[in-house]
Amino acid sequence: MKKILCATVLSILSINSYAGGVCDNASKEFSAAVEVYKKEGGTAFMKRILKNGPLENDTRSLSQAQSLAQIEQFFGPIETASILSTKELGSKSCYIIGILEYENGPAFAVANYYSGSKGVGATSMFFQTEPEQILPKEFLVQ
């Protein structure tokens, strides 16, 4: 009985540490993409976000850079960014909500990262300038 209990506990701990690793890796990938964005622009940002994922080099996914260009028209150049929240979705997925802070206002980014055969890459990404469209109510009102 003790062996079964120990094996179960070790299995749960390894799953949790692996899932935590997925979000850690996804956060690092998102932060690296932001640095690319600051230096090379929205298209390079989207290429970096999608790197290692199933949508890498997908032209429809890369067209998300147009959304960033529209945001930049109103809010100016990106200055900084941070991750507001990460949530493990299974053992290989991580849902990230980030804030992109531009010269004249913020935008919010939502990405789902997946740990696949090539590494950790985004399977989806979208942007919104209205926090209530993305953030849970608990984030906005306490």
C-alpha atoms as a PDB file:
ATOM      1  CA  MET A   1       0.000   0.000   0.000  1.00  0.00           C
ATOM      2  CA  LYS A   2       2.841   2.393   0.867  1.00  0.00           C
ATOM      3  CA  LYS A   3       4.509   1.714  -2.496  1.00  0.00           C
ATOM      4  CA  ILE A   4       1.290   2.495  -4.362  1.00  0.00           C
ATOM      5  CA  LEU A   5       0.757   5.683  -2.352  1.00  0.00           C
ATOM      6  CA  CYS A   6       4.364   6.799  -2.915  1.00  0.00           C
ATOM      7  CA  ALA A   7       4.125   6.056  -6.636  1.00  0.00           C
ATOM      8  CA  THR A   8       0.876   8.022  -6.859  1.00  0.00           C
ATOM      9  CA  VAL A   9       2.332  11.020  -5.001  1.00  0.00           C
ATOM     10  CA  LEU A  10       5.470  10.984  -7.160  1.00  0.00           C
ATOM     11  CA  SER A  11       3.348  10.760 -10.290  1.00  0.00           C
ATOM     12  CA  ILE A  12       1.243  13.761  -9.242  1.00  0.00           C
ATOM     13  CA  LEU A  13       4.336  15.781  -8.330  1.00  0.00           C
ATOM     14  CA  SER A  14       6.018  15.017 -11.640  1.00  0.00           C
ATOM     15  CA  ILE A  15       2.885  16.006 -13.575  1.00  0.00           C
ATOM     16  CA  ASN A  16       2.617  19.281 -11.640  1.00  0.00           C
ATOM     17  CA  SER A  17       6.285  20.110 -12.038  1.00  0.00           C
ATOM     18  CA  TYR A  18       6.107  19.327 -15.754  1.00  0.00           C
ATOM     19  CA  ALA A  19       3.009  21.491 -16.205  1.00  0.00           C
ATOM     20  CA  GLY A  20       4.706  24.269 -14.234  1.00  0.00           C
ATOM     21  CA  GLY A  21       7.633  23.869 -16.598  1.00  0.00           C
ATOM     22  CA  VAL A  22       5.310  24.360 -19.555  1.00  0.00           C
ATOM     23  CA  CYS A  23       4.150  27.731 -18.209  1.00  0.00           C
ATOM     24  CA  ASP A  24       7.697  28.699 -17.278  1.00  0.00           C
ATOM     25  CA  ASN A  25       8.863  27.898 -20.802  1.00  0.00           C
ATOM     26  CA  ALA A  26       5.852  29.611 -22.357  1.00  0.00           C
ATOM     27  CA  SER A  27       6.494  32.734 -20.265  1.00  0.00           C
ATOM     28  CA  LYS A  28      10.106  32.792 -21.418  1.00  0.00           C
ATOM     29  CA  GLU A  29       9.000  32.420 -25.042  1.00  0.00           C
ATOM     30  CA  PHE A  30       6.473  35.254 -24.679  1.00  0.00           C
ATOM     31  CA  SER A  31       9.074  37.532 -23.063  1.00  0.00           C
ATOM     32  CA  ALA A  32      11.588  36.725 -25.807  1.00  0.00           C
ATOM     33  CA  ALA A  33       8.942  37.563 -28.422  1.00  0.00           C
ATOM     34  CA  VAL A  34       8.317  40.933 -26.758  1.00  0.00           C
ATOM     35  CA  GLU A  35      12.025  41.761 -27.010  1.00  0.00           C
ATOM     36  CA  VAL A  36      11.891  40.892 -30.708  1.00  0.00           C
ATOM     37  CA  TYR A  37       8.813  43.113 -31.059  1.00  0.00           C
ATOM     38  CA  LYS A  38      10.615  46.090 -29.524  1.00  0.00           C
ATOM     39  CA  LYS A  39      13.560  45.705 -31.897  1.00  0.00           C
ATOM     40  CA  GLU A  40      12.018  44.406 -35.135  1.00  0.00           C
ATOM     41  CA  GLY A  41       8.277  45.153 -35.111  1.00  0.00           C
ATOM     42  CA  GLY A  42       4.964  43.328 -35.140  1.00  0.00           C
ATOM     43  CA  THR A  43       5.628  40.838 -37.936  1.00  0.00           C
ATOM     44  CA  ALA A  44       8.822  39.626 -36.257  1.00  0.00           C
ATOM     45  CA  PHE A  45       6.893  39.424 -32.961  1.00  0.00           C
ATOM     46  CA  MET A  46       4.243  37.176 -34.495  1.00  0.00           C
ATOM     47  CA  LYS A  47       6.875  34.969 -36.139  1.00  0.00           C
ATOM     48  CA  ARG A  48       8.568  34.567 -32.757  1.00  0.00           C
ATOM     49  CA  ILE A  49       5.264  33.869 -30.969  1.00  0.00           C
ATOM     50  CA  LEU A  50       4.409  31.125 -33.449  1.00  0.00           C
ATOM     51  CA  LYS A  51       7.913  29.618 -33.542  1.00  0.00           C
ATOM     52  CA  ASN A  52       7.926  25.891 -32.695  1.00  0.00           C
ATOM     53  CA  GLY A  53       4.145  25.670 -32.859  1.00  0.00           C
ATOM     54  CA  PRO A  54       1.882  24.101 -35.466  1.00  0.00           C
ATOM     55  CA  LEU A  55       1.111  27.544 -36.949  1.00  0.00           C
ATOM     56  CA  GLU A  56       4.732  28.496 -37.551  1.00  0.00           C
ATOM     57  CA  ASN A  57       4.912  30.237 -40.966  1.00  0.00           C
ATOM     58  CA  ASP A  58       1.116  30.129 -41.385  1.00  0.00           C
ATOM     59  CA  THR A  59       0.273  33.285 -43.345  1.00  0.00           C
ATOM     60  CA  ARG A  60      -3.184  33.724 -41.780  1.00  0.00           C
ATOM     61  CA  SER A  61      -1.711  33.557 -38.285  1.00  0.00           C
ATOM     62  CA  LEU A  62       1.101  35.917 -39.214  1.00  0.00           C
ATOM     63  CA  SER A  63      -1.503  38.422 -40.408  1.00  0.00           C
ATOM     64  CA  GLN A  64      -2.222  39.127 -36.715  1.00  0.00           C
ATOM     65  CA  ALA A  65       0.643  41.596 -37.074  1.00  0.00           C
ATOM     66  CA  GLN A  66      -1.903  43.859 -38.809  1.00  0.00           C
ATOM     67  CA  SER A  67      -3.807  44.104 -35.525  1.00  0.00           C
ATOM     68  CA  LEU A  68      -0.626  45.256 -33.848  1.00  0.00           C
ATOM     69  CA  ALA A  69      -0.040  47.846 -36.561  1.00  0.00           C
ATOM     70  CA  GLN A  70      -3.529  49.251 -35.937  1.00  0.00           C
ATOM     71  CA  ILE A  71      -2.889  49.395 -32.190  1.00  0.00           C
ATOM     72  CA  GLU A  72       0.423  51.178 -32.818  1.00  0.00           C
ATOM     73  CA  GLN A  73      -1.329  53.767 -35.024  1.00  0.00           C
ATOM     74  CA  PHE A  74      -3.361  54.892 -32.025  1.00  0.00           C
ATOM     75  CA  PHE A  75      -1.143  54.052 -29.061  1.00  0.00           C
ATOM     76  CA  GLY A  76       2.338  54.660 -30.476  1.00  0.00           C
ATOM     77  CA  PRO A  77       5.358  52.382 -30.161  1.00  0.00           C
ATOM     78  CA  ILE A  78       5.570  49.561 -27.647  1.00  0.00           C
ATOM     79  CA  GLU A  79       7.544  50.431 -24.543  1.00  0.00           C
ATOM     80  CA  THR A  80       7.209  47.469 -22.205  1.00  0.00           C
ATOM     81  CA  ALA A  81       5.195  44.327 -21.572  1.00  0.00           C
ATOM     82  CA  SER A  82       4.500  41.907 -18.772  1.00  0.00           C
ATOM     83  CA  ILE A  83       2.612  38.718 -18.096  1.00  0.00           C
ATOM     84  CA  LEU A  84      -0.497  39.205 -15.980  1.00  0.00           C
ATOM     85  CA  SER A  85      -1.491  35.579 -15.650  1.00  0.00           C
ATOM     86  CA  THR A  86      -0.550  32.047 -16.621  1.00  0.00           C
ATOM     87  CA  LYS A  87      -2.826  29.034 -16.321  1.00  0.00           C
ATOM     88  CA  GLU A  88      -1.887  25.439 -16.936  1.00  0.00           C
ATOM     89  CA  LEU A  89      -4.358  23.731 -19.259  1.00  0.00           C
ATOM     90  CA  GLY A  90      -3.411  20.096 -19.077  1.00  0.00           C
ATOM     91  CA  SER A  91       0.107  18.797 -18.966  1.00  0.00           C
ATOM     92  CA  LYS A  92       1.298  20.419 -22.223  1.00  0.00           C
ATOM     93  CA  SER A  93      -0.641  23.696 -22.536  1.00  0.00           C
ATOM     94  CA  CYS A  94      -0.293  27.089 -20.932  1.00  0.00           C
ATOM     95  CA  TYR A  95      -2.744  29.972 -21.301  1.00  0.00           C
ATOM     96  CA  ILE A  96      -1.083  33.383 -20.958  1.00  0.00           C
ATOM     97  CA  ILE A  97      -2.616  36.823 -20.544  1.00  0.00           C
ATOM     98  CA  GLY A  98      -0.118  39.618 -21.084  1.00  0.00           C
ATOM     99  CA  ILE A  99      -0.204  43.388 -21.213  1.00  0.00           C
ATOM    100  CA  LEU A 100       1.598  45.293 -23.948  1.00  0.00           C
ATOM    101  CA  GLU A 101       2.207  48.870 -22.835  1.00  0.00           C
ATOM    102  CA  TYR A 102       2.557  51.381 -25.627  1.00  0.00           C
ATOM    103  CA  GLU A 103       3.484  55.040 -25.448  1.00  0.00           C
ATOM    104  CA  ASN A 104      -0.162  56.143 -25.184  1.00  0.00           C
ATOM    105  CA  GLY A 105      -2.034  53.135 -23.810  1.00  0.00           C
ATOM    106  CA  PRO A 106      -2.178  49.391 -23.177  1.00  0.00           C
ATOM    107  CA  ALA A 107      -3.265  46.415 -25.219  1.00  0.00           C
ATOM    108  CA  PHE A 108      -3.806  42.914 -23.938  1.00  0.00           C
ATOM    109  CA  ALA A 109      -2.511  39.725 -25.504  1.00  0.00           C
ATOM    110  CA  VAL A 110      -3.884  36.244 -24.984  1.00  0.00           C
ATOM    111  CA  ALA A 111      -1.892  33.246 -26.106  1.00  0.00           C
ATOM    112  CA  ASN A 112      -2.125  29.508 -25.721  1.00  0.00           C
ATOM    113  CA  TYR A 113       1.253  27.801 -25.792  1.00  0.00           C
ATOM    114  CA  TYR A 114       1.698  24.105 -26.344  1.00  0.00           C
ATOM    115  CA  SER A 115       4.708  21.892 -25.716  1.00  0.00           C
ATOM    116  CA  GLY A 116       5.048  19.827 -28.874  1.00  0.00           C
ATOM    117  CA  SER A 117       7.720  17.916 -30.710  1.00  0.00           C
ATOM    118  CA  LYS A 118       9.648  21.094 -31.690  1.00  0.00           C
ATOM    119  CA  GLY A 119       9.389  22.744 -28.272  1.00  0.00           C
ATOM    120  CA  VAL A 120       6.990  25.307 -26.835  1.00  0.00           C
ATOM    121  CA  GLY A 121       5.081  27.378 -29.388  1.00  0.00           C
ATOM    122  CA  ALA A 122       1.819  29.276 -29.552  1.00  0.00           C
ATOM    123  CA  THR A 123      -1.240  27.601 -31.023  1.00  0.00           C
ATOM    124  CA  SER A 124      -3.310  30.775 -30.806  1.00  0.00           C
ATOM    125  CA  MET A 125      -2.852  34.486 -30.099  1.00  0.00           C
ATOM    126  CA  PHE A 126      -5.126  37.508 -30.144  1.00  0.00           C
ATOM    127  CA  PHE A 127      -5.062  41.129 -29.019  1.00  0.00           C
ATOM    128  CA  GLN A 128      -7.603  43.459 -27.473  1.00  0.00           C
ATOM    129  CA  THR A 129      -7.435  47.035 -26.210  1.00  0.00           C
ATOM    130  CA  GLU A 130     -10.400  46.691 -23.853  1.00  0.00           C
ATOM    131  CA  PRO A 131      -9.441  44.839 -20.656  1.00  0.00           C
ATOM    132  CA  GLU A 132     -13.023  43.816 -19.922  1.00  0.00           C
ATOM    133  CA  GLN A 133     -13.017  41.832 -23.171  1.00  0.00           C
ATOM    134  CA  ILE A 134     -10.159  39.647 -21.956  1.00  0.00           C
ATOM    135  CA  LEU A 135      -9.562  39.844 -18.242  1.00  0.00           C
ATOM    136  CA  PRO A 136     -11.671  37.932 -15.742  1.00  0.00           C
ATOM    137  CA  LYS A 137     -13.873  40.179 -13.599  1.00  0.00           C
ATOM    138  CA  GLU A 138     -11.767  39.251 -10.554  1.00  0.00           C
ATOM    139  CA  PHE A 139      -8.836  41.044 -12.212  1.00  0.00           C
ATOM    140  CA  LEU A 140     -10.819  44.223 -12.742  1.00  0.00           C
ATOM    141  CA  VAL A 141     -12.986  44.499  -9.636  1.00  0.00           C
ATOM    142  CA  GLN A 142     -12.215  43.294  -6.140  1.00  0.00           C
END
